[in-house]
Amino acid sequence: MRRYLILVGIFLFLGAIALPALIYYVGAKIVGPYEGSGEGSGNLVEFIASIYLDALQGLPTAWFLILVPAMLWILWRLYTWIRRSQLAT
């Protein structure tokens, strides 16, 4: 159970910090610099803060972005469990 909680924490970290940072840097290279949503400079911290503010407002896209690594891991575990069950029978 402890290992499971550690993995959930890792995947939540990936969704909360690493994935938005990756999106920010890839978007900056492909689309151009992030303009920001207010009077800020449009840096990485402002980008991540805007995602958190959207999540606090209940926007599904922000929650999806934050939770997608954990959801993918859970779906992978479900798939492997079903696959093992089918092979065992």
N, C-alpha and C. Protein backbone atom coordinates (compact mmCIF):
# COMPACT_ATOMS: atom_id res chain seq x y z
N MET A 1 0.83 -1.20 0.00
CA MET A 1 0.00 0.00 0.00
C MET A 1 0.87 1.26 0.00
N ARG A 2 1.98 1.20 0.73
CA ARG A 2 2.86 2.36 0.79
C ARG A 2 3.46 2.67 -0.58
N ARG A 3 3.85 1.61 -1.29
CA ARG A 3 4.41 1.78 -2.63
C ARG A 3 3.37 2.43 -3.55
N TYR A 4 2.13 2.00 -3.44
CA TYR A 4 1.05 2.56 -4.24
C TYR A 4 0.89 4.05 -3.97
N LEU A 5 0.91 4.45 -2.70
CA LEU A 5 0.76 5.86 -2.35
C LEU A 5 1.94 6.70 -2.84
N ILE A 6 3.13 6.13 -2.79
CA ILE A 6 4.30 6.83 -3.31
C ILE A 6 4.17 7.04 -4.82
N LEU A 7 3.73 6.01 -5.53
CA LEU A 7 3.54 6.14 -6.97
C LEU A 7 2.45 7.15 -7.33
N VAL A 8 1.36 7.14 -6.58
CA VAL A 8 0.31 8.13 -6.81
C VAL A 8 0.87 9.53 -6.59
N GLY A 9 1.67 9.71 -5.54
CA GLY A 9 2.28 11.01 -5.28
C GLY A 9 3.21 11.44 -6.41
N ILE A 10 3.97 10.51 -6.95
CA ILE A 10 4.86 10.82 -8.07
C ILE A 10 4.06 11.26 -9.29
N PHE A 11 3.01 10.53 -9.59
CA PHE A 11 2.21 10.87 -10.77
C PHE A 11 1.43 12.17 -10.57
N LEU A 12 1.01 12.45 -9.35
CA LEU A 12 0.36 13.73 -9.09
C LEU A 12 1.36 14.88 -9.24
N PHE A 13 2.60 14.67 -8.79
CA PHE A 13 3.65 15.67 -8.99
C PHE A 13 3.87 15.91 -10.48
N LEU A 14 3.93 14.81 -11.25
CA LEU A 14 4.12 14.95 -12.69
C LEU A 14 3.01 15.78 -13.31
N GLY A 15 1.78 15.54 -12.88
CA GLY A 15 0.66 16.28 -13.43
C GLY A 15 0.59 17.72 -12.95
N ALA A 16 1.06 17.96 -11.73
CA ALA A 16 0.96 19.29 -11.15
C ALA A 16 2.11 20.21 -11.55
N ILE A 17 3.29 19.67 -11.75
CA ILE A 17 4.47 20.50 -12.02
C ILE A 17 5.14 20.13 -13.35
N ALA A 18 5.51 18.88 -13.51
CA ALA A 18 6.33 18.50 -14.66
C ALA A 18 5.59 18.61 -15.99
N LEU A 19 4.36 18.13 -16.07
CA LEU A 19 3.61 18.19 -17.32
C LEU A 19 3.31 19.63 -17.74
N PRO A 20 2.83 20.50 -16.83
CA PRO A 20 2.65 21.90 -17.24
C PRO A 20 3.95 22.57 -17.68
N ALA A 21 5.06 22.25 -17.01
CA ALA A 21 6.35 22.83 -17.42
C ALA A 21 6.73 22.35 -18.82
N LEU A 22 6.53 21.08 -19.08
CA LEU A 22 6.82 20.54 -20.41
C LEU A 22 5.94 21.20 -21.47
N ILE A 23 4.66 21.35 -21.16
CA ILE A 23 3.74 22.02 -22.09
C ILE A 23 4.18 23.45 -22.34
N TYR A 24 4.60 24.14 -21.29
CA TYR A 24 5.05 25.53 -21.41
C TYR A 24 6.25 25.63 -22.36
N TYR A 25 7.26 24.79 -22.13
CA TYR A 25 8.48 24.88 -22.93
C TYR A 25 8.26 24.43 -24.37
N VAL A 26 7.49 23.36 -24.58
CA VAL A 26 7.21 22.92 -25.94
C VAL A 26 6.36 23.97 -26.66
N GLY A 27 5.37 24.52 -25.96
CA GLY A 27 4.55 25.57 -26.56
C GLY A 27 5.35 26.80 -26.92
N ALA A 28 6.32 27.15 -26.07
CA ALA A 28 7.17 28.31 -26.36
C ALA A 28 8.02 28.08 -27.60
N LYS A 29 8.45 26.85 -27.80
CA LYS A 29 9.28 26.55 -28.98
C LYS A 29 8.44 26.47 -30.25
N ILE A 30 7.23 25.92 -30.15
CA ILE A 30 6.41 25.71 -31.34
C ILE A 30 5.55 26.92 -31.67
N VAL A 31 4.84 27.45 -30.67
CA VAL A 31 3.87 28.52 -30.90
C VAL A 31 4.48 29.89 -30.67
N GLY A 32 5.37 29.98 -29.72
CA GLY A 32 5.95 31.27 -29.36
C GLY A 32 5.79 31.50 -27.87
N PRO A 33 6.29 32.60 -27.37
CA PRO A 33 6.25 32.85 -25.93
C PRO A 33 4.82 32.96 -25.40
N TYR A 34 4.66 32.51 -24.16
CA TYR A 34 3.37 32.60 -23.47
C TYR A 34 3.12 34.05 -23.11
N GLU A 35 2.00 34.57 -23.51
CA GLU A 35 1.68 35.99 -23.30
C GLU A 35 1.18 36.26 -21.88
N GLY A 36 0.63 35.28 -21.24
CA GLY A 36 0.06 35.51 -19.92
C GLY A 36 -1.40 35.93 -20.03
N SER A 37 -2.09 35.84 -18.91
CA SER A 37 -3.50 36.18 -18.93
C SER A 37 -3.78 37.52 -18.27
N GLY A 38 -2.76 38.17 -17.76
CA GLY A 38 -2.96 39.44 -17.08
C GLY A 38 -1.82 40.38 -17.37
N GLU A 39 -1.42 41.12 -16.34
CA GLU A 39 -0.35 42.09 -16.52
C GLU A 39 1.03 41.49 -16.23
N GLY A 40 1.10 40.18 -16.05
CA GLY A 40 2.37 39.52 -15.77
C GLY A 40 3.23 39.38 -17.01
N SER A 41 4.39 38.80 -16.82
CA SER A 41 5.35 38.69 -17.91
C SER A 41 5.16 37.44 -18.76
N GLY A 42 4.27 36.53 -18.35
CA GLY A 42 4.03 35.32 -19.10
C GLY A 42 5.11 34.28 -18.92
N ASN A 43 5.65 34.15 -17.72
CA ASN A 43 6.69 33.16 -17.46
C ASN A 43 6.07 31.83 -17.01
N LEU A 44 6.93 30.86 -16.72
CA LEU A 44 6.49 29.52 -16.33
C LEU A 44 5.65 29.55 -15.07
N VAL A 45 6.05 30.32 -14.08
CA VAL A 45 5.31 30.37 -12.82
C VAL A 45 3.90 30.90 -13.05
N GLU A 46 3.76 31.92 -13.88
CA GLU A 46 2.44 32.46 -14.18
C GLU A 46 1.59 31.43 -14.93
N PHE A 47 2.21 30.68 -15.82
CA PHE A 47 1.49 29.65 -16.57
C PHE A 47 0.95 28.58 -15.64
N ILE A 48 1.80 28.08 -14.74
CA ILE A 48 1.35 27.05 -13.79
C ILE A 48 0.31 27.62 -12.84
N ALA A 49 0.49 28.85 -12.40
CA ALA A 49 -0.49 29.49 -11.53
C ALA A 49 -1.84 29.62 -12.22
N SER A 50 -1.84 29.92 -13.51
CA SER A 50 -3.11 30.03 -14.23
C SER A 50 -3.81 28.68 -14.31
N ILE A 51 -3.04 27.60 -14.42
CA ILE A 51 -3.64 26.26 -14.42
C ILE A 51 -4.27 25.97 -13.06
N TYR A 52 -3.55 26.29 -11.98
CA TYR A 52 -4.09 26.07 -10.64
C TYR A 52 -5.33 26.91 -10.39
N LEU A 53 -5.33 28.16 -10.83
CA LEU A 53 -6.51 29.02 -10.66
C LEU A 53 -7.70 28.46 -11.43
N ASP A 54 -7.44 27.96 -12.63
CA ASP A 54 -8.51 27.34 -13.40
C ASP A 54 -9.05 26.10 -12.68
N ALA A 55 -8.15 25.32 -12.09
CA ALA A 55 -8.58 24.13 -11.35
C ALA A 55 -9.41 24.53 -10.13
N LEU A 56 -9.00 25.57 -9.44
CA LEU A 56 -9.77 26.04 -8.29
C LEU A 56 -11.15 26.54 -8.69
N GLN A 57 -11.27 27.04 -9.90
CA GLN A 57 -12.56 27.50 -10.41
C GLN A 57 -13.40 26.33 -10.93
N GLY A 58 -12.81 25.14 -10.95
CA GLY A 58 -13.55 23.95 -11.34
C GLY A 58 -13.56 23.65 -12.83
N LEU A 59 -12.64 24.21 -13.58
CA LEU A 59 -12.60 23.95 -15.01
C LEU A 59 -12.08 22.52 -15.27
N PRO A 60 -12.86 21.72 -15.99
CA PRO A 60 -12.47 20.33 -16.22
C PRO A 60 -11.15 20.17 -16.96
N THR A 61 -10.83 21.10 -17.86
CA THR A 61 -9.58 20.96 -18.61
C THR A 61 -8.36 21.09 -17.70
N ALA A 62 -8.43 21.96 -16.72
CA ALA A 62 -7.31 22.10 -15.77
C ALA A 62 -7.18 20.84 -14.92
N TRP A 63 -8.30 20.33 -14.44
CA TRP A 63 -8.26 19.10 -13.65
C TRP A 63 -7.75 17.93 -14.48
N PHE A 64 -8.17 17.86 -15.72
CA PHE A 64 -7.71 16.80 -16.60
C PHE A 64 -6.20 16.87 -16.78
N LEU A 65 -5.68 18.07 -17.01
CA LEU A 65 -4.24 18.24 -17.18
C LEU A 65 -3.47 17.80 -15.93
N ILE A 66 -3.97 18.16 -14.78
CA ILE A 66 -3.29 17.82 -13.53
C ILE A 66 -3.37 16.32 -13.24
N LEU A 67 -4.50 15.70 -13.55
CA LEU A 67 -4.71 14.31 -13.17
C LEU A 67 -4.37 13.29 -14.25
N VAL A 68 -4.09 13.72 -15.47
CA VAL A 68 -3.88 12.77 -16.56
C VAL A 68 -2.74 11.78 -16.32
N PRO A 69 -1.59 12.14 -15.76
CA PRO A 69 -0.57 11.11 -15.53
C PRO A 69 -1.05 10.03 -14.56
N ALA A 70 -1.73 10.42 -13.49
CA ALA A 70 -2.25 9.42 -12.55
C ALA A 70 -3.34 8.57 -13.20
N MET A 71 -4.19 9.19 -14.01
CA MET A 71 -5.25 8.43 -14.68
C MET A 71 -4.65 7.43 -15.66
N LEU A 72 -3.63 7.82 -16.39
CA LEU A 72 -2.99 6.89 -17.32
C LEU A 72 -2.35 5.73 -16.59
N TRP A 73 -1.73 5.99 -15.46
CA TRP A 73 -1.12 4.93 -14.67
C TRP A 73 -2.19 3.97 -14.14
N ILE A 74 -3.30 4.51 -13.66
CA ILE A 74 -4.39 3.67 -13.15
C ILE A 74 -4.98 2.83 -14.29
N LEU A 75 -5.18 3.44 -15.46
CA LEU A 75 -5.68 2.68 -16.61
C LEU A 75 -4.70 1.59 -17.03
N TRP A 76 -3.41 1.87 -16.98
CA TRP A 76 -2.39 0.86 -17.31
C TRP A 76 -2.45 -0.29 -16.31
N ARG A 77 -2.58 0.03 -15.02
CA ARG A 77 -2.69 -1.02 -14.00
C ARG A 77 -3.94 -1.86 -14.21
N LEU A 78 -5.05 -1.22 -14.56
CA LEU A 78 -6.28 -1.95 -14.83
C LEU A 78 -6.12 -2.86 -16.04
N TYR A 79 -5.50 -2.36 -17.08
CA TYR A 79 -5.26 -3.17 -18.28
C TYR A 79 -4.40 -4.38 -17.95
N THR A 80 -3.30 -4.18 -17.23
CA THR A 80 -2.42 -5.32 -16.91
C THR A 80 -3.12 -6.31 -15.99
N TRP A 81 -3.96 -5.83 -15.09
CA TRP A 81 -4.70 -6.73 -14.20
C TRP A 81 -5.68 -7.58 -15.01
N ILE A 82 -6.40 -6.96 -15.94
CA ILE A 82 -7.35 -7.69 -16.79
C ILE A 82 -6.59 -8.69 -17.66
N ARG A 83 -5.49 -8.24 -18.22
CA ARG A 83 -4.69 -9.12 -19.08
C ARG A 83 -4.17 -10.34 -18.33
N ARG A 84 -3.68 -10.12 -17.11
CA ARG A 84 -3.19 -11.24 -16.29
C ARG A 84 -4.33 -12.18 -15.93
N SER A 85 -5.49 -11.62 -15.66
CA SER A 85 -6.65 -12.45 -15.32
C SER A 85 -7.05 -13.33 -16.50
N GLN A 86 -7.00 -12.77 -17.70
CA GLN A 86 -7.36 -13.54 -18.89
C GLN A 86 -6.33 -14.62 -19.18
N LEU A 87 -5.07 -14.34 -18.94
CA LEU A 87 -4.02 -15.33 -19.20
C LEU A 87 -4.04 -16.45 -18.17
N ALA A 88 -4.48 -16.13 -16.95
CA ALA A 88 -4.51 -17.13 -15.89
C ALA A 88 -5.64 -18.14 -16.09
N THR A 89 -6.67 -17.76 -16.83
CA THR A 89 -7.81 -18.67 -17.01
C THR A 89 -7.73 -19.45 -18.29
